[in-house]
N, C-alpha and C. Protein backbone atom coordinates (compact mmCIF):
# COMPACT_ATOMS: atom_id res chain seq x y z
N MET A 1 5.84 18.17 12.96
CA MET A 1 6.08 19.14 11.93
C MET A 1 6.48 18.38 10.65
N ILE A 2 5.90 18.76 9.55
CA ILE A 2 6.19 18.08 8.29
C ILE A 2 7.45 18.70 7.69
N VAL A 3 8.51 17.88 7.65
CA VAL A 3 9.80 18.33 7.15
C VAL A 3 10.34 17.26 6.21
N PHE A 4 10.90 17.70 5.09
CA PHE A 4 11.53 16.79 4.14
C PHE A 4 13.04 16.96 4.21
N ASN A 5 13.78 15.86 4.10
CA ASN A 5 15.24 15.96 4.09
C ASN A 5 15.71 16.39 2.71
N GLU A 6 17.03 16.50 2.54
CA GLU A 6 17.58 16.98 1.27
C GLU A 6 17.28 16.05 0.09
N LYS A 7 16.94 14.79 0.39
CA LYS A 7 16.57 13.84 -0.67
C LYS A 7 15.08 13.86 -0.97
N GLY A 8 14.35 14.71 -0.27
CA GLY A 8 12.91 14.82 -0.48
C GLY A 8 12.10 13.79 0.28
N LYS A 9 12.73 13.12 1.23
CA LYS A 9 12.05 12.09 2.02
C LYS A 9 11.48 12.72 3.29
N LEU A 10 10.25 12.35 3.62
CA LEU A 10 9.61 12.86 4.82
C LEU A 10 10.36 12.36 6.05
N GLU A 11 10.69 13.27 6.96
CA GLU A 11 11.39 12.89 8.19
C GLU A 11 10.36 12.50 9.24
N LEU A 12 10.19 11.20 9.41
CA LEU A 12 9.14 10.69 10.29
C LEU A 12 9.32 11.11 11.74
N GLU A 13 10.56 11.21 12.19
CA GLU A 13 10.79 11.56 13.59
C GLU A 13 10.34 12.98 13.93
N ARG A 14 10.09 13.79 12.91
CA ARG A 14 9.66 15.18 13.13
C ARG A 14 8.13 15.33 13.12
N LEU A 15 7.42 14.26 12.76
CA LEU A 15 5.96 14.34 12.73
C LEU A 15 5.41 14.51 14.14
N LEU A 16 4.36 15.29 14.26
CA LEU A 16 3.78 15.57 15.57
C LEU A 16 2.74 14.53 15.97
N VAL A 17 2.82 14.14 17.23
CA VAL A 17 1.80 13.30 17.85
C VAL A 17 1.11 14.22 18.86
N GLN A 18 -0.13 14.62 18.55
CA GLN A 18 -0.75 15.64 19.39
C GLN A 18 -1.99 15.17 20.12
N ASN A 19 -2.90 14.57 19.43
CA ASN A 19 -4.20 14.27 20.03
C ASN A 19 -4.56 12.79 19.91
N THR A 20 -3.64 11.94 20.26
CA THR A 20 -3.91 10.51 20.21
C THR A 20 -4.99 10.17 21.23
N LEU A 21 -5.90 9.30 20.84
CA LEU A 21 -6.92 8.85 21.78
C LEU A 21 -6.26 8.13 22.95
N SER A 22 -6.89 8.19 24.09
CA SER A 22 -6.34 7.50 25.26
C SER A 22 -6.49 5.99 25.10
N ALA A 23 -5.65 5.26 25.79
CA ALA A 23 -5.72 3.79 25.76
C ALA A 23 -7.09 3.32 26.24
N GLU A 24 -7.64 4.02 27.20
CA GLU A 24 -8.96 3.67 27.73
C GLU A 24 -10.04 3.81 26.65
N THR A 25 -9.98 4.88 25.88
CA THR A 25 -10.95 5.08 24.80
C THR A 25 -10.76 4.04 23.71
N ILE A 26 -9.53 3.77 23.37
CA ILE A 26 -9.23 2.80 22.31
C ILE A 26 -9.76 1.42 22.67
N LYS A 27 -9.69 1.05 23.94
CA LYS A 27 -10.16 -0.27 24.37
C LYS A 27 -11.66 -0.45 24.16
N LYS A 28 -12.39 0.64 24.03
CA LYS A 28 -13.84 0.56 23.83
C LYS A 28 -14.20 0.10 22.42
N TYR A 29 -13.24 0.10 21.52
CA TYR A 29 -13.50 -0.22 20.12
C TYR A 29 -12.72 -1.46 19.69
N ASP A 30 -13.30 -2.18 18.75
CA ASP A 30 -12.62 -3.31 18.13
C ASP A 30 -11.80 -2.74 16.97
N HIS A 31 -10.53 -2.46 17.22
CA HIS A 31 -9.73 -1.75 16.21
C HIS A 31 -9.56 -2.56 14.92
N ARG A 32 -9.58 -3.87 15.01
CA ARG A 32 -9.46 -4.68 13.78
C ARG A 32 -10.69 -4.51 12.90
N LYS A 33 -11.84 -4.49 13.53
CA LYS A 33 -13.09 -4.29 12.80
C LYS A 33 -13.11 -2.89 12.17
N ILE A 34 -12.64 -1.91 12.92
CA ILE A 34 -12.60 -0.54 12.42
C ILE A 34 -11.61 -0.41 11.27
N MET A 35 -10.44 -1.05 11.38
CA MET A 35 -9.47 -1.02 10.29
C MET A 35 -10.09 -1.61 9.02
N SER A 36 -10.84 -2.66 9.19
CA SER A 36 -11.51 -3.29 8.05
C SER A 36 -12.51 -2.33 7.40
N LYS A 37 -13.26 -1.60 8.22
CA LYS A 37 -14.23 -0.64 7.69
C LYS A 37 -13.53 0.49 6.94
N VAL A 38 -12.44 0.98 7.49
CA VAL A 38 -11.69 2.06 6.82
C VAL A 38 -11.12 1.55 5.50
N ARG A 39 -10.60 0.33 5.50
CA ARG A 39 -10.08 -0.25 4.25
C ARG A 39 -11.19 -0.38 3.21
N ARG A 40 -12.37 -0.70 3.67
CA ARG A 40 -13.50 -0.83 2.75
C ARG A 40 -13.86 0.53 2.14
N ILE A 41 -13.79 1.57 2.94
CA ILE A 41 -14.05 2.92 2.41
C ILE A 41 -13.00 3.28 1.35
N PHE A 42 -11.74 2.95 1.61
CA PHE A 42 -10.70 3.21 0.60
C PHE A 42 -10.98 2.42 -0.67
N LYS A 43 -11.42 1.19 -0.52
CA LYS A 43 -11.74 0.37 -1.70
C LYS A 43 -12.88 1.01 -2.49
N ILE A 44 -13.89 1.49 -1.79
CA ILE A 44 -15.01 2.16 -2.45
C ILE A 44 -14.53 3.42 -3.17
N MET A 45 -13.67 4.20 -2.51
CA MET A 45 -13.18 5.43 -3.14
C MET A 45 -12.36 5.10 -4.39
N ASP A 46 -11.55 4.05 -4.32
CA ASP A 46 -10.73 3.68 -5.47
C ASP A 46 -11.58 3.10 -6.60
N ASP A 47 -12.50 2.20 -6.27
CA ASP A 47 -13.34 1.57 -7.29
C ASP A 47 -14.26 2.57 -7.98
N SER A 48 -14.82 3.48 -7.20
CA SER A 48 -15.80 4.42 -7.75
C SER A 48 -15.20 5.31 -8.82
N TYR A 49 -13.93 5.57 -8.73
CA TYR A 49 -13.27 6.41 -9.74
C TYR A 49 -13.45 5.81 -11.13
N TYR A 50 -13.31 4.52 -11.25
CA TYR A 50 -13.35 3.86 -12.56
C TYR A 50 -14.75 3.74 -13.14
N TYR A 51 -15.76 3.93 -12.32
CA TYR A 51 -17.14 3.82 -12.80
C TYR A 51 -17.71 5.14 -13.28
N GLN A 52 -16.96 6.21 -13.16
CA GLN A 52 -17.45 7.50 -13.62
C GLN A 52 -17.42 7.55 -15.14
N ILE A 53 -18.51 8.02 -15.72
CA ILE A 53 -18.58 8.06 -17.19
C ILE A 53 -18.38 9.47 -17.74
N ASN A 54 -18.40 10.46 -16.87
CA ASN A 54 -18.20 11.84 -17.32
C ASN A 54 -16.74 12.07 -17.69
N GLU A 55 -16.53 13.07 -18.53
CA GLU A 55 -15.16 13.43 -18.87
C GLU A 55 -14.45 14.05 -17.67
N ASP A 56 -15.20 14.79 -16.85
CA ASP A 56 -14.63 15.44 -15.68
C ASP A 56 -14.65 14.48 -14.50
N LYS A 57 -13.72 13.56 -14.50
CA LYS A 57 -13.70 12.58 -13.42
C LYS A 57 -13.24 13.22 -12.12
N ILE A 58 -13.82 12.74 -11.05
CA ILE A 58 -13.43 13.18 -9.72
C ILE A 58 -12.44 12.16 -9.19
N SER A 59 -11.38 12.64 -8.58
CA SER A 59 -10.39 11.74 -8.01
C SER A 59 -9.83 12.35 -6.73
N TYR A 60 -8.97 11.61 -6.08
CA TYR A 60 -8.35 12.11 -4.87
C TYR A 60 -6.91 11.64 -4.80
N GLU A 61 -6.15 12.30 -3.95
CA GLU A 61 -4.80 11.85 -3.66
C GLU A 61 -4.43 12.28 -2.25
N ILE A 62 -3.51 11.55 -1.66
CA ILE A 62 -2.92 11.95 -0.39
C ILE A 62 -1.47 12.28 -0.72
N THR A 63 -1.13 13.53 -0.55
CA THR A 63 0.19 14.01 -0.96
C THR A 63 1.26 13.63 0.06
N ASP A 64 2.51 13.80 -0.34
CA ASP A 64 3.63 13.49 0.55
C ASP A 64 3.64 14.38 1.79
N ASP A 65 3.04 15.58 1.68
CA ASP A 65 2.96 16.44 2.86
C ASP A 65 1.66 16.21 3.64
N LEU A 66 1.06 15.03 3.40
CA LEU A 66 -0.06 14.50 4.19
C LEU A 66 -1.35 15.32 4.07
N LYS A 67 -1.60 15.81 2.87
CA LYS A 67 -2.86 16.50 2.60
C LYS A 67 -3.73 15.62 1.71
N PHE A 68 -5.02 15.63 2.00
CA PHE A 68 -5.99 14.90 1.19
C PHE A 68 -6.58 15.90 0.21
N ILE A 69 -6.38 15.65 -1.07
CA ILE A 69 -6.82 16.58 -2.10
C ILE A 69 -7.84 15.90 -3.00
N VAL A 70 -8.95 16.60 -3.22
CA VAL A 70 -9.98 16.12 -4.13
C VAL A 70 -9.83 16.89 -5.44
N HIS A 71 -9.70 16.15 -6.54
CA HIS A 71 -9.60 16.76 -7.87
C HIS A 71 -10.96 16.65 -8.55
N GLY A 72 -11.37 17.74 -9.16
CA GLY A 72 -12.68 17.77 -9.81
C GLY A 72 -13.68 18.43 -8.88
N ASN A 73 -14.85 18.67 -9.41
CA ASN A 73 -15.85 19.37 -8.60
C ASN A 73 -17.25 19.04 -9.07
N ILE A 74 -18.18 19.20 -8.17
CA ILE A 74 -19.61 19.05 -8.44
C ILE A 74 -20.24 20.37 -8.00
N PRO A 75 -21.19 20.91 -8.73
CA PRO A 75 -21.83 22.15 -8.28
C PRO A 75 -22.37 22.00 -6.85
N LEU A 76 -22.13 23.00 -6.03
CA LEU A 76 -22.51 22.91 -4.61
C LEU A 76 -23.99 22.69 -4.38
N ASN A 77 -24.85 23.20 -5.26
CA ASN A 77 -26.28 23.00 -5.03
C ASN A 77 -26.66 21.52 -5.05
N ASN A 78 -25.88 20.69 -5.72
CA ASN A 78 -26.13 19.25 -5.69
C ASN A 78 -25.70 18.63 -4.37
N ILE A 79 -24.69 19.20 -3.74
CA ILE A 79 -24.15 18.65 -2.50
C ILE A 79 -24.97 19.06 -1.29
N GLU A 80 -25.48 20.27 -1.29
CA GLU A 80 -26.16 20.79 -0.10
C GLU A 80 -27.38 19.95 0.28
N ALA A 81 -28.01 19.32 -0.66
CA ALA A 81 -29.21 18.54 -0.37
C ALA A 81 -28.90 17.19 0.25
N ILE A 82 -27.65 16.81 0.25
CA ILE A 82 -27.29 15.48 0.74
C ILE A 82 -26.92 15.55 2.21
N ASP A 83 -27.64 14.81 3.01
CA ASP A 83 -27.32 14.68 4.42
C ASP A 83 -27.60 13.25 4.83
N ILE A 84 -26.81 12.34 4.29
CA ILE A 84 -27.05 10.92 4.54
C ILE A 84 -25.80 10.29 5.14
N PRO A 85 -25.97 9.23 5.90
CA PRO A 85 -24.79 8.55 6.44
C PRO A 85 -24.06 7.79 5.34
N LEU A 86 -22.80 7.52 5.58
CA LEU A 86 -22.03 6.73 4.62
C LEU A 86 -22.60 5.33 4.55
N THR A 87 -22.48 4.73 3.41
CA THR A 87 -22.96 3.37 3.21
C THR A 87 -21.83 2.54 2.64
N PHE A 88 -21.91 1.24 2.84
CA PHE A 88 -20.92 0.34 2.25
C PHE A 88 -21.41 -0.25 0.94
N ASN A 89 -22.49 0.28 0.41
CA ASN A 89 -23.02 -0.20 -0.85
C ASN A 89 -22.27 0.47 -2.00
N GLU A 90 -21.30 -0.26 -2.56
CA GLU A 90 -20.45 0.30 -3.61
C GLU A 90 -21.25 0.80 -4.80
N LYS A 91 -22.35 0.12 -5.11
CA LYS A 91 -23.14 0.48 -6.29
C LYS A 91 -23.69 1.90 -6.20
N GLU A 92 -24.01 2.33 -4.99
CA GLU A 92 -24.54 3.69 -4.84
C GLU A 92 -23.51 4.72 -5.26
N TYR A 93 -22.25 4.50 -4.92
CA TYR A 93 -21.19 5.44 -5.29
C TYR A 93 -20.83 5.30 -6.76
N ARG A 94 -20.90 4.09 -7.27
CA ARG A 94 -20.60 3.87 -8.69
C ARG A 94 -21.62 4.57 -9.58
N ASN A 95 -22.86 4.60 -9.12
CA ASN A 95 -23.94 5.16 -9.93
C ASN A 95 -24.16 6.65 -9.73
N SER A 96 -23.46 7.26 -8.79
CA SER A 96 -23.69 8.67 -8.52
C SER A 96 -22.37 9.40 -8.27
N GLN A 97 -22.04 10.25 -9.20
CA GLN A 97 -20.83 11.05 -9.05
C GLN A 97 -20.98 12.02 -7.88
N VAL A 98 -22.20 12.45 -7.62
CA VAL A 98 -22.46 13.36 -6.51
C VAL A 98 -22.18 12.66 -5.18
N LEU A 99 -22.66 11.44 -5.02
CA LEU A 99 -22.40 10.69 -3.78
C LEU A 99 -20.91 10.42 -3.61
N TYR A 100 -20.25 10.09 -4.70
CA TYR A 100 -18.81 9.84 -4.65
C TYR A 100 -18.06 11.10 -4.21
N PHE A 101 -18.44 12.23 -4.77
CA PHE A 101 -17.82 13.50 -4.39
C PHE A 101 -18.07 13.79 -2.91
N TYR A 102 -19.29 13.54 -2.48
CA TYR A 102 -19.66 13.74 -1.08
C TYR A 102 -18.82 12.86 -0.16
N LEU A 103 -18.61 11.62 -0.54
CA LEU A 103 -17.77 10.70 0.23
C LEU A 103 -16.34 11.25 0.34
N LEU A 104 -15.80 11.70 -0.78
CA LEU A 104 -14.43 12.25 -0.77
C LEU A 104 -14.34 13.49 0.12
N LYS A 105 -15.33 14.36 0.03
CA LYS A 105 -15.33 15.57 0.86
C LYS A 105 -15.40 15.22 2.35
N ARG A 106 -16.25 14.26 2.69
CA ARG A 106 -16.34 13.85 4.10
C ARG A 106 -15.04 13.23 4.57
N PHE A 107 -14.44 12.42 3.70
CA PHE A 107 -13.18 11.78 4.07
C PHE A 107 -12.09 12.83 4.25
N LYS A 108 -12.05 13.80 3.36
CA LYS A 108 -11.05 14.87 3.46
C LYS A 108 -11.16 15.60 4.79
N GLU A 109 -12.38 15.92 5.18
CA GLU A 109 -12.59 16.63 6.44
C GLU A 109 -12.14 15.77 7.63
N ALA A 110 -12.50 14.50 7.62
CA ALA A 110 -12.11 13.61 8.71
C ALA A 110 -10.59 13.44 8.75
N PHE A 111 -9.98 13.25 7.59
CA PHE A 111 -8.54 13.05 7.49
C PHE A 111 -7.78 14.27 8.01
N SER A 112 -8.29 15.45 7.72
CA SER A 112 -7.60 16.68 8.15
C SER A 112 -7.63 16.85 9.67
N ASN A 113 -8.54 16.16 10.35
CA ASN A 113 -8.63 16.26 11.81
C ASN A 113 -7.71 15.28 12.54
N LEU A 114 -6.97 14.48 11.79
CA LEU A 114 -6.00 13.58 12.41
C LEU A 114 -4.70 14.33 12.63
N ASP A 115 -3.90 13.88 13.60
CA ASP A 115 -2.60 14.52 13.75
C ASP A 115 -1.64 13.98 12.68
N GLU A 116 -0.46 14.55 12.59
CA GLU A 116 0.46 14.23 11.50
C GLU A 116 0.84 12.76 11.45
N VAL A 117 1.14 12.18 12.60
CA VAL A 117 1.52 10.77 12.63
C VAL A 117 0.35 9.90 12.18
N GLU A 118 -0.84 10.22 12.63
CA GLU A 118 -2.02 9.44 12.25
C GLU A 118 -2.27 9.54 10.74
N ARG A 119 -2.13 10.73 10.18
CA ARG A 119 -2.31 10.89 8.73
C ARG A 119 -1.26 10.08 7.97
N PHE A 120 -0.03 10.10 8.48
CA PHE A 120 1.02 9.33 7.83
C PHE A 120 0.70 7.83 7.87
N ILE A 121 0.24 7.36 9.00
CA ILE A 121 -0.09 5.93 9.14
C ILE A 121 -1.18 5.54 8.14
N ILE A 122 -2.24 6.33 8.06
CA ILE A 122 -3.32 6.03 7.11
C ILE A 122 -2.79 6.06 5.68
N LYS A 123 -2.00 7.06 5.36
CA LYS A 123 -1.44 7.17 4.01
C LYS A 123 -0.59 5.95 3.69
N ASN A 124 0.29 5.58 4.60
CA ASN A 124 1.20 4.48 4.36
C ASN A 124 0.47 3.15 4.18
N PHE A 125 -0.47 2.86 5.06
CA PHE A 125 -1.11 1.54 5.04
C PHE A 125 -2.30 1.43 4.11
N GLU A 126 -2.95 2.54 3.78
CA GLU A 126 -4.17 2.45 2.98
C GLU A 126 -4.05 3.08 1.59
N TYR A 127 -3.19 4.05 1.44
CA TYR A 127 -3.12 4.76 0.16
C TYR A 127 -1.91 4.37 -0.68
N ASP A 128 -0.74 4.34 -0.06
CA ASP A 128 0.48 4.07 -0.81
C ASP A 128 0.48 2.65 -1.38
N LYS A 129 0.71 2.56 -2.66
CA LYS A 129 0.81 1.27 -3.34
C LYS A 129 2.10 1.28 -4.14
N PRO A 130 3.09 0.51 -3.81
CA PRO A 130 3.14 -0.40 -2.66
C PRO A 130 3.38 0.37 -1.37
N GLN A 131 3.03 -0.28 -0.30
CA GLN A 131 3.22 0.29 1.04
C GLN A 131 4.71 0.51 1.26
N ILE A 132 5.07 1.69 1.74
CA ILE A 132 6.48 2.05 1.88
C ILE A 132 7.09 1.47 3.15
N TYR A 133 6.35 1.54 4.25
CA TYR A 133 6.88 1.11 5.54
C TYR A 133 6.03 -0.02 6.12
N VAL A 134 6.65 -0.79 7.00
CA VAL A 134 5.93 -1.74 7.85
C VAL A 134 5.97 -1.15 9.27
N ASP A 135 5.20 -1.72 10.17
CA ASP A 135 5.12 -1.17 11.52
C ASP A 135 6.49 -0.98 12.16
N GLU A 136 7.32 -1.99 12.06
CA GLU A 136 8.63 -1.94 12.73
C GLU A 136 9.52 -0.84 12.17
N SER A 137 9.47 -0.65 10.85
CA SER A 137 10.32 0.40 10.27
C SER A 137 9.82 1.79 10.63
N ILE A 138 8.51 1.94 10.82
CA ILE A 138 7.98 3.23 11.25
C ILE A 138 8.46 3.53 12.67
N CYS A 139 8.38 2.53 13.55
CA CYS A 139 8.88 2.71 14.93
C CYS A 139 10.34 3.13 14.92
N TYR A 140 11.13 2.46 14.09
CA TYR A 140 12.56 2.76 14.01
C TYR A 140 12.79 4.18 13.49
N GLU A 141 12.12 4.52 12.38
CA GLU A 141 12.30 5.84 11.77
C GLU A 141 11.82 6.96 12.69
N MET A 142 10.75 6.70 13.42
CA MET A 142 10.21 7.73 14.32
C MET A 142 10.94 7.75 15.66
N ASN A 143 11.69 6.70 15.91
CA ASN A 143 12.43 6.58 17.16
C ASN A 143 11.49 6.62 18.37
N ILE A 144 10.41 5.82 18.28
CA ILE A 144 9.46 5.73 19.40
C ILE A 144 9.25 4.27 19.76
N HIS A 145 8.80 4.06 20.98
CA HIS A 145 8.52 2.71 21.46
C HIS A 145 7.32 2.15 20.72
N LYS A 146 7.33 0.85 20.51
CA LYS A 146 6.26 0.22 19.74
C LYS A 146 4.89 0.41 20.38
N ASP A 147 4.81 0.46 21.71
CA ASP A 147 3.51 0.65 22.37
C ASP A 147 2.91 2.01 22.02
N LYS A 148 3.74 3.03 22.03
CA LYS A 148 3.27 4.37 21.67
C LYS A 148 2.86 4.42 20.20
N TYR A 149 3.64 3.74 19.36
CA TYR A 149 3.31 3.70 17.93
C TYR A 149 1.96 3.01 17.71
N TYR A 150 1.76 1.84 18.32
CA TYR A 150 0.51 1.11 18.11
C TYR A 150 -0.69 1.88 18.67
N LEU A 151 -0.47 2.64 19.72
CA LEU A 151 -1.53 3.50 20.24
C LEU A 151 -1.91 4.54 19.18
N SER A 152 -0.91 5.12 18.54
CA SER A 152 -1.17 6.10 17.47
C SER A 152 -1.85 5.45 16.28
N LYS A 153 -1.44 4.24 15.94
CA LYS A 153 -2.03 3.56 14.79
C LYS A 153 -3.51 3.26 15.05
N LYS A 154 -3.81 2.71 16.20
CA LYS A 154 -5.21 2.41 16.53
C LYS A 154 -6.01 3.71 16.60
N SER A 155 -5.43 4.72 17.19
CA SER A 155 -6.09 6.02 17.31
C SER A 155 -6.43 6.58 15.93
N ALA A 156 -5.51 6.45 14.99
CA ALA A 156 -5.74 6.97 13.63
C ALA A 156 -6.98 6.36 13.01
N TYR A 157 -7.07 5.05 13.05
CA TYR A 157 -8.21 4.36 12.44
C TYR A 157 -9.51 4.66 13.18
N ILE A 158 -9.45 4.66 14.50
CA ILE A 158 -10.66 4.88 15.29
C ILE A 158 -11.17 6.31 15.11
N LYS A 159 -10.28 7.30 15.16
CA LYS A 159 -10.70 8.69 14.98
C LYS A 159 -11.30 8.90 13.60
N LEU A 160 -10.68 8.31 12.61
CA LEU A 160 -11.21 8.43 11.24
C LEU A 160 -12.59 7.79 11.15
N ALA A 161 -12.73 6.61 11.72
CA ALA A 161 -14.01 5.89 11.67
C ALA A 161 -15.11 6.64 12.43
N ILE A 162 -14.77 7.19 13.57
CA ILE A 162 -15.76 7.94 14.35
C ILE A 162 -16.26 9.13 13.55
N GLN A 163 -15.33 9.87 12.95
CA GLN A 163 -15.71 11.06 12.19
C GLN A 163 -16.52 10.73 10.94
N LEU A 164 -16.26 9.57 10.37
CA LEU A 164 -17.01 9.15 9.18
C LEU A 164 -18.34 8.48 9.54
N GLY A 165 -18.57 8.28 10.82
CA GLY A 165 -19.81 7.64 11.25
C GLY A 165 -19.79 6.13 11.13
N LEU A 166 -18.61 5.56 10.98
CA LEU A 166 -18.50 4.11 10.80
C LEU A 166 -18.69 3.34 12.11
N THR A 167 -18.62 4.03 13.23
CA THR A 167 -18.77 3.37 14.53
C THR A 167 -20.16 3.62 15.12
N TYR A 168 -20.99 4.32 14.40
CA TYR A 168 -22.29 4.73 14.94
C TYR A 168 -23.10 3.55 15.45
N LYS A 169 -23.23 2.50 14.65
CA LYS A 169 -24.01 1.33 15.06
C LYS A 169 -23.40 0.69 16.30
N ASP A 170 -22.08 0.56 16.32
CA ASP A 170 -21.41 -0.03 17.48
C ASP A 170 -21.61 0.83 18.72
N ASP A 171 -21.53 2.15 18.55
CA ASP A 171 -21.73 3.05 19.68
C ASP A 171 -23.16 2.94 20.22
N ILE A 172 -24.13 2.86 19.31
CA ILE A 172 -25.53 2.72 19.72
C ILE A 172 -25.73 1.37 20.41
N ASP A 173 -25.16 0.30 19.84
CA ASP A 173 -25.28 -1.02 20.45
C ASP A 173 -24.71 -1.02 21.87
N GLU A 174 -23.56 -0.38 22.04
CA GLU A 174 -22.93 -0.31 23.37
C GLU A 174 -23.82 0.47 24.34
N LEU A 175 -24.41 1.54 23.86
CA LEU A 175 -25.31 2.34 24.69
C LEU A 175 -26.53 1.52 25.12
N ILE A 176 -27.08 0.77 24.18
CA ILE A 176 -28.24 -0.07 24.49
C ILE A 176 -27.87 -1.13 25.52
N ILE A 177 -26.73 -1.78 25.32
CA ILE A 177 -26.28 -2.81 26.26
C ILE A 177 -26.10 -2.21 27.65
N THR A 178 -25.49 -1.03 27.72
CA THR A 178 -25.28 -0.36 29.01
C THR A 178 -26.61 -0.06 29.68
N LYS A 179 -27.56 0.47 28.91
CA LYS A 179 -28.88 0.80 29.47
C LYS A 179 -29.61 -0.46 29.95
N VAL A 180 -29.52 -1.53 29.18
CA VAL A 180 -30.16 -2.79 29.58
C VAL A 180 -29.54 -3.30 30.88
N LYS A 181 -28.22 -3.25 30.97
CA LYS A 181 -27.55 -3.70 32.20
C LYS A 181 -27.97 -2.85 33.39
N GLU A 182 -28.06 -1.54 33.19
CA GLU A 182 -28.48 -0.65 34.27
C GLU A 182 -29.91 -0.97 34.71
N THR A 183 -30.77 -1.22 33.74
CA THR A 183 -32.17 -1.55 34.05
C THR A 183 -32.25 -2.87 34.82
N ILE A 184 -31.49 -3.86 34.38
CA ILE A 184 -31.47 -5.15 35.07
C ILE A 184 -30.97 -4.99 36.50
N LEU A 185 -29.91 -4.22 36.67
CA LEU A 185 -29.39 -3.98 38.02
C LEU A 185 -30.41 -3.28 38.89
N GLU A 186 -31.12 -2.30 38.33
CA GLU A 186 -32.16 -1.60 39.09
C GLU A 186 -33.27 -2.57 39.50
N GLU A 187 -33.63 -3.46 38.58
CA GLU A 187 -34.68 -4.44 38.88
C GLU A 187 -34.22 -5.40 39.98
N ILE A 188 -32.96 -5.81 39.91
CA ILE A 188 -32.42 -6.72 40.93
C ILE A 188 -32.42 -6.03 42.29
N VAL A 189 -31.98 -4.78 42.31
CA VAL A 189 -31.96 -4.02 43.57
C VAL A 189 -33.38 -3.87 44.10
N THR A 190 -34.33 -3.58 43.22
CA THR A 190 -35.73 -3.44 43.63
C THR A 190 -36.25 -4.76 44.19
N LEU A 191 -35.94 -5.87 43.52
CA LEU A 191 -36.36 -7.18 44.01
C LEU A 191 -35.76 -7.48 45.38
N ASP A 192 -34.48 -7.17 45.54
CA ASP A 192 -33.82 -7.40 46.82
C ASP A 192 -34.48 -6.59 47.93
N LYS A 193 -34.80 -5.34 47.64
CA LYS A 193 -35.45 -4.49 48.64
C LYS A 193 -36.82 -5.04 49.00
N ASN A 194 -37.56 -5.53 48.00
CA ASN A 194 -38.89 -6.08 48.25
C ASN A 194 -38.81 -7.34 49.11
N HIS A 195 -37.79 -8.14 48.89
CA HIS A 195 -37.64 -9.38 49.66
C HIS A 195 -37.19 -9.09 51.08
N MET A 196 -36.52 -7.99 51.28
CA MET A 196 -36.03 -7.66 52.61
C MET A 196 -37.13 -7.08 53.49
N GLU A 197 -38.17 -6.55 52.90
CA GLU A 197 -39.24 -5.92 53.69
C GLU A 197 -40.20 -6.94 54.25
């Protein structure tokens, strides 16, 4: 639950941990690689703001009550035609206010699907400048064991990346590897059966 104390500070121990990914699911992903991809998306979102030449600049913020807000707007008919995956090509976002707006909208949707602790972690480590907390101080403020905290931290980045499609290539690669291994095993079993006859 998002609660502020009398000084206006967010009470971390009251934040909800609801849908953290399981440790088994988290192990399937390289969380460092995913953190790097999420950081790159934040860099693109920040850089693209400065390349807008229109007076009506589009921007975003993550508020203290952990909401992702997009300021500015693009007519919806421009957005409806776009159905493309996210790209790491900064120039595409710099050259198109529509693509930048689309990126922010997708990020907002993904961010809203995180639980409160996960949103706080992303805000603290990726948005807040300077960063307010370090890992140890978050554990202390939340009064949770470091293992549970790190599970939430990894879950936050992985869930965000999955929703943004940043893991798509890795997921496909894993699927291909699994299928190849299954095929090889089937061939070995077939060979063994043929040799036994």
